[in-house]
Amino acid sequence: VWVCVGWLNIVYNLSYFLAGTVWGFAVVFVVFVQRQSCDMEKIPLK
């Protein structure tokens, strides 16, 4: 039972950690894409 509980806790922690990293990467990726798109839009204006 203790082993099962320990494994369940590890799985839950890993799932939450992976979900957090995925959301973090998604936010960083969206911000990066938006900044790149803004730079791309500013280049022709110059």
C-alpha atoms as a PDB file:
ATOM      1  CA  VAL A   1       0.000   0.000   0.000  1.00  0.00           C
ATOM      2  CA  TRP A   2       2.797   2.410   0.892  1.00  0.00           C
ATOM      3  CA  VAL A   3       4.552   1.618  -2.397  1.00  0.00           C
ATOM      4  CA  CYS A   4       1.322   2.188  -4.333  1.00  0.00           C
ATOM      5  CA  VAL A   5       0.695   5.464  -2.508  1.00  0.00           C
ATOM      6  CA  GLY A   6       4.291   6.534  -3.133  1.00  0.00           C
ATOM      7  CA  TRP A   7       4.056   5.691  -6.836  1.00  0.00           C
ATOM      8  CA  LEU A   8       0.704   7.465  -7.102  1.00  0.00           C
ATOM      9  CA  ASN A   9       2.185  10.555  -5.453  1.00  0.00           C
ATOM     10  CA  ILE A  10       5.163  10.439  -7.836  1.00  0.00           C
ATOM     11  CA  VAL A  11       2.866  10.049 -10.850  1.00  0.00           C
ATOM     12  CA  TYR A  12       0.629  12.901  -9.688  1.00  0.00           C
ATOM     13  CA  ASN A  13       3.645  15.129  -9.013  1.00  0.00           C
ATOM     14  CA  LEU A  14       5.144  14.306 -12.424  1.00  0.00           C
ATOM     15  CA  SER A  15       1.816  14.926 -14.151  1.00  0.00           C
ATOM     16  CA  TYR A  16       1.404  18.291 -12.427  1.00  0.00           C
ATOM     17  CA  PHE A  17       5.057  19.161 -13.153  1.00  0.00           C
ATOM     18  CA  LEU A  18       4.721  18.218 -16.837  1.00  0.00           C
ATOM     19  CA  ALA A  19       1.450  20.136 -17.078  1.00  0.00           C
ATOM     20  CA  GLY A  20       3.134  23.175 -15.536  1.00  0.00           C
ATOM     21  CA  THR A  21       6.106  22.929 -17.896  1.00  0.00           C
ATOM     22  CA  VAL A  22       3.792  22.489 -20.891  1.00  0.00           C
ATOM     23  CA  TRP A  23       1.776  25.575 -19.904  1.00  0.00           C
ATOM     24  CA  GLY A  24       5.012  27.461 -19.218  1.00  0.00           C
ATOM     25  CA  PHE A  25       6.444  26.525 -22.616  1.00  0.00           C
ATOM     26  CA  ALA A  26       3.109  27.395 -24.253  1.00  0.00           C
ATOM     27  CA  VAL A  27       3.085  30.859 -22.656  1.00  0.00           C
ATOM     28  CA  VAL A  28       6.732  31.478 -23.573  1.00  0.00           C
ATOM     29  CA  PHE A  29       6.102  30.225 -27.119  1.00  0.00           C
ATOM     30  CA  VAL A  30       3.025  32.439 -27.560  1.00  0.00           C
ATOM     31  CA  VAL A  31       4.862  35.492 -26.211  1.00  0.00           C
ATOM     32  CA  PHE A  32       7.856  34.728 -28.447  1.00  0.00           C
ATOM     33  CA  VAL A  33       5.637  34.310 -31.526  1.00  0.00           C
ATOM     34  CA  GLN A  34       3.767  37.516 -30.751  1.00  0.00           C
ATOM     35  CA  ARG A  35       7.039  39.432 -30.323  1.00  0.00           C
ATOM     36  CA  GLN A  36       8.350  37.953 -33.568  1.00  0.00           C
ATOM     37  CA  SER A  37       5.135  38.894 -35.379  1.00  0.00           C
ATOM     38  CA  CYS A  38       5.381  42.453 -33.995  1.00  0.00           C
ATOM     39  CA  ASP A  39       8.993  42.653 -35.181  1.00  0.00           C
ATOM     40  CA  MET A  40       7.969  41.308 -38.584  1.00  0.00           C
ATOM     41  CA  GLU A  41       5.223  43.915 -38.799  1.00  0.00           C
ATOM     42  CA  LYS A  42       7.576  46.717 -37.744  1.00  0.00           C
ATOM     43  CA  ILE A  43      10.253  45.822 -40.299  1.00  0.00           C
ATOM     44  CA  PRO A  44       8.146  46.720 -43.411  1.00  0.00           C
ATOM     45  CA  LEU A  45       7.012  49.972 -41.750  1.00  0.00           C
ATOM     46  CA  LYS A  46      10.632  51.063 -41.493  1.00  0.00           C
END
